[in-house]
Amino acid sequence: MAQAGLFDEPIKIYEVVQTSNEYGEQVDTYKLKYETRARIQNTSGSRINDSNEIFYSYNKNFIVRYYVPVEDFYRIYWDGHYYRIDNIDKNKKLQQISIDCELVKE
């Protein structure tokens, strides 16, 4: 079981809701689903040149308690940025969920 002091970063979990605007375009809006605390580990980071625009790609691992409701298509908001969920690994023995995420390019 994880120690309580390790979950020291507040995060927000958002559901992605797709709506249409007045032009018929699909627009993603975020609806707050849950607020909790997490342990955050940096897994990788790199600089990407995409269409002559430099973008810094970061991958993080968020570890939360087992009871936190999270799904593959949710977004995690932490430190002023949204992260896309790549993988969810539930570990009932340790009573925690490990969530691998990638920084969303805005």
Protein backbone atom coordinates (compact mmCIF):
# COMPACT_ATOMS: atom_id res chain seq x y z
CA MET A 1 0.00 0.00 0.00
CA ALA A 2 1.29 3.47 -0.87
CA GLN A 3 2.19 6.00 1.76
CA ALA A 4 -0.22 8.91 2.08
CA GLY A 5 2.50 11.56 1.93
CA LEU A 6 3.52 10.58 -1.58
CA PHE A 7 0.25 11.84 -3.10
CA ASP A 8 1.23 15.49 -2.80
CA GLU A 9 0.18 17.13 -6.10
CA PRO A 10 -3.39 18.31 -6.68
CA ILE A 11 -4.80 17.30 -10.09
CA LYS A 12 -8.13 17.67 -11.86
CA ILE A 13 -9.66 15.02 -14.10
CA TYR A 14 -11.82 16.23 -16.98
CA GLU A 15 -14.17 14.42 -19.34
CA VAL A 16 -13.89 15.44 -23.00
CA VAL A 17 -17.29 16.43 -24.39
CA GLN A 18 -17.59 16.97 -28.14
CA THR A 19 -20.09 19.57 -29.28
CA SER A 20 -20.78 21.35 -32.56
CA ASN A 21 -20.32 25.09 -32.92
CA GLU A 22 -22.39 27.41 -35.13
CA TYR A 23 -20.34 26.35 -38.19
CA GLY A 24 -20.86 22.62 -37.62
CA GLU A 25 -17.28 21.96 -36.49
CA GLN A 26 -16.59 19.45 -33.71
CA VAL A 27 -15.28 21.31 -30.68
CA ASP A 28 -13.85 19.63 -27.58
CA THR A 29 -14.92 21.06 -24.25
CA TYR A 30 -13.83 19.80 -20.85
CA LYS A 31 -16.22 18.92 -18.03
CA LEU A 32 -14.72 18.54 -14.54
CA LYS A 33 -15.26 15.00 -13.21
CA TYR A 34 -13.00 14.69 -10.18
CA GLU A 35 -10.36 16.46 -8.12
CA THR A 36 -7.77 14.47 -6.20
CA ARG A 37 -4.12 14.30 -5.22
CA ALA A 38 -1.51 12.30 -7.09
CA ARG A 39 2.10 11.24 -7.14
CA ILE A 40 3.68 12.46 -10.37
CA GLN A 41 6.75 11.00 -12.04
CA ASN A 42 8.43 12.26 -15.19
CA THR A 43 8.90 9.40 -17.65
CA SER A 44 10.31 11.20 -20.70
CA GLY A 45 10.55 14.49 -22.53
CA SER A 46 11.82 15.73 -25.83
CA ARG A 47 11.77 18.63 -28.26
CA ILE A 48 9.79 18.11 -31.46
CA ASN A 49 9.87 20.25 -34.61
CA ASP A 50 6.33 20.03 -36.02
CA SER A 51 5.62 22.15 -39.13
CA ASN A 52 8.49 24.51 -38.25
CA GLU A 53 7.04 24.95 -34.78
CA ILE A 54 9.02 23.76 -31.77
CA PHE A 55 6.96 21.78 -29.30
CA TYR A 56 8.16 20.24 -26.05
CA SER A 57 6.65 16.79 -25.58
CA TYR A 58 6.46 15.48 -22.03
CA ASN A 59 5.23 12.15 -20.72
CA LYS A 60 4.20 11.84 -17.10
CA ASN A 61 3.03 9.03 -14.86
CA PHE A 62 0.24 10.00 -12.46
CA ILE A 63 -0.40 7.62 -9.57
CA VAL A 64 -3.74 8.03 -7.80
CA ARG A 65 -5.81 6.05 -5.31
CA TYR A 66 -7.77 3.05 -6.57
CA TYR A 67 -11.19 4.66 -6.01
CA VAL A 68 -10.55 7.58 -8.41
CA PRO A 69 -12.89 7.34 -11.44
CA VAL A 70 -10.75 7.58 -14.58
CA GLU A 71 -11.29 6.45 -18.17
CA ASP A 72 -9.15 6.36 -21.32
CA PHE A 73 -10.71 9.41 -22.95
CA TYR A 74 -10.40 11.75 -19.98
CA ARG A 75 -7.83 14.53 -19.62
CA ILE A 76 -5.73 15.35 -16.57
CA TYR A 77 -5.04 18.97 -15.72
CA TRP A 78 -1.90 19.64 -13.71
CA ASP A 79 0.48 22.58 -13.41
CA GLY A 80 -1.36 24.65 -16.03
CA HIS A 81 -1.36 21.95 -18.73
CA TYR A 82 -3.68 19.22 -20.00
CA TYR A 83 -2.40 15.66 -20.40
CA ARG A 84 -3.90 12.96 -22.65
CA ILE A 85 -4.25 9.53 -21.06
CA ASP A 86 -2.33 6.83 -22.94
CA ASN A 87 -2.60 3.91 -20.53
CA ILE A 88 -4.38 3.05 -17.28
CA ASP A 89 -3.02 0.30 -15.03
CA LYS A 90 -5.16 -0.59 -12.01
CA ASN A 91 -3.37 -2.39 -9.20
CA LYS A 92 -5.88 -3.65 -6.65
CA LYS A 93 -3.19 -5.14 -4.41
CA LEU A 94 -1.51 -1.75 -3.95
CA GLN A 95 -4.86 0.10 -4.08
CA GLN A 96 -3.60 2.52 -6.72
CA ILE A 97 -3.99 3.40 -10.38
CA SER A 98 -1.00 4.23 -12.56
CA ILE A 99 -1.89 6.55 -15.46
CA ASP A 100 0.58 7.17 -18.29
CA CYS A 101 -0.06 10.53 -19.98
CA GLU A 102 1.27 12.75 -22.74
CA LEU A 103 1.21 16.55 -22.81
CA VAL A 104 -1.57 17.88 -25.07
CA LYS A 105 -0.30 20.23 -27.78
CA GLU A 106 -2.33 23.43 -27.58
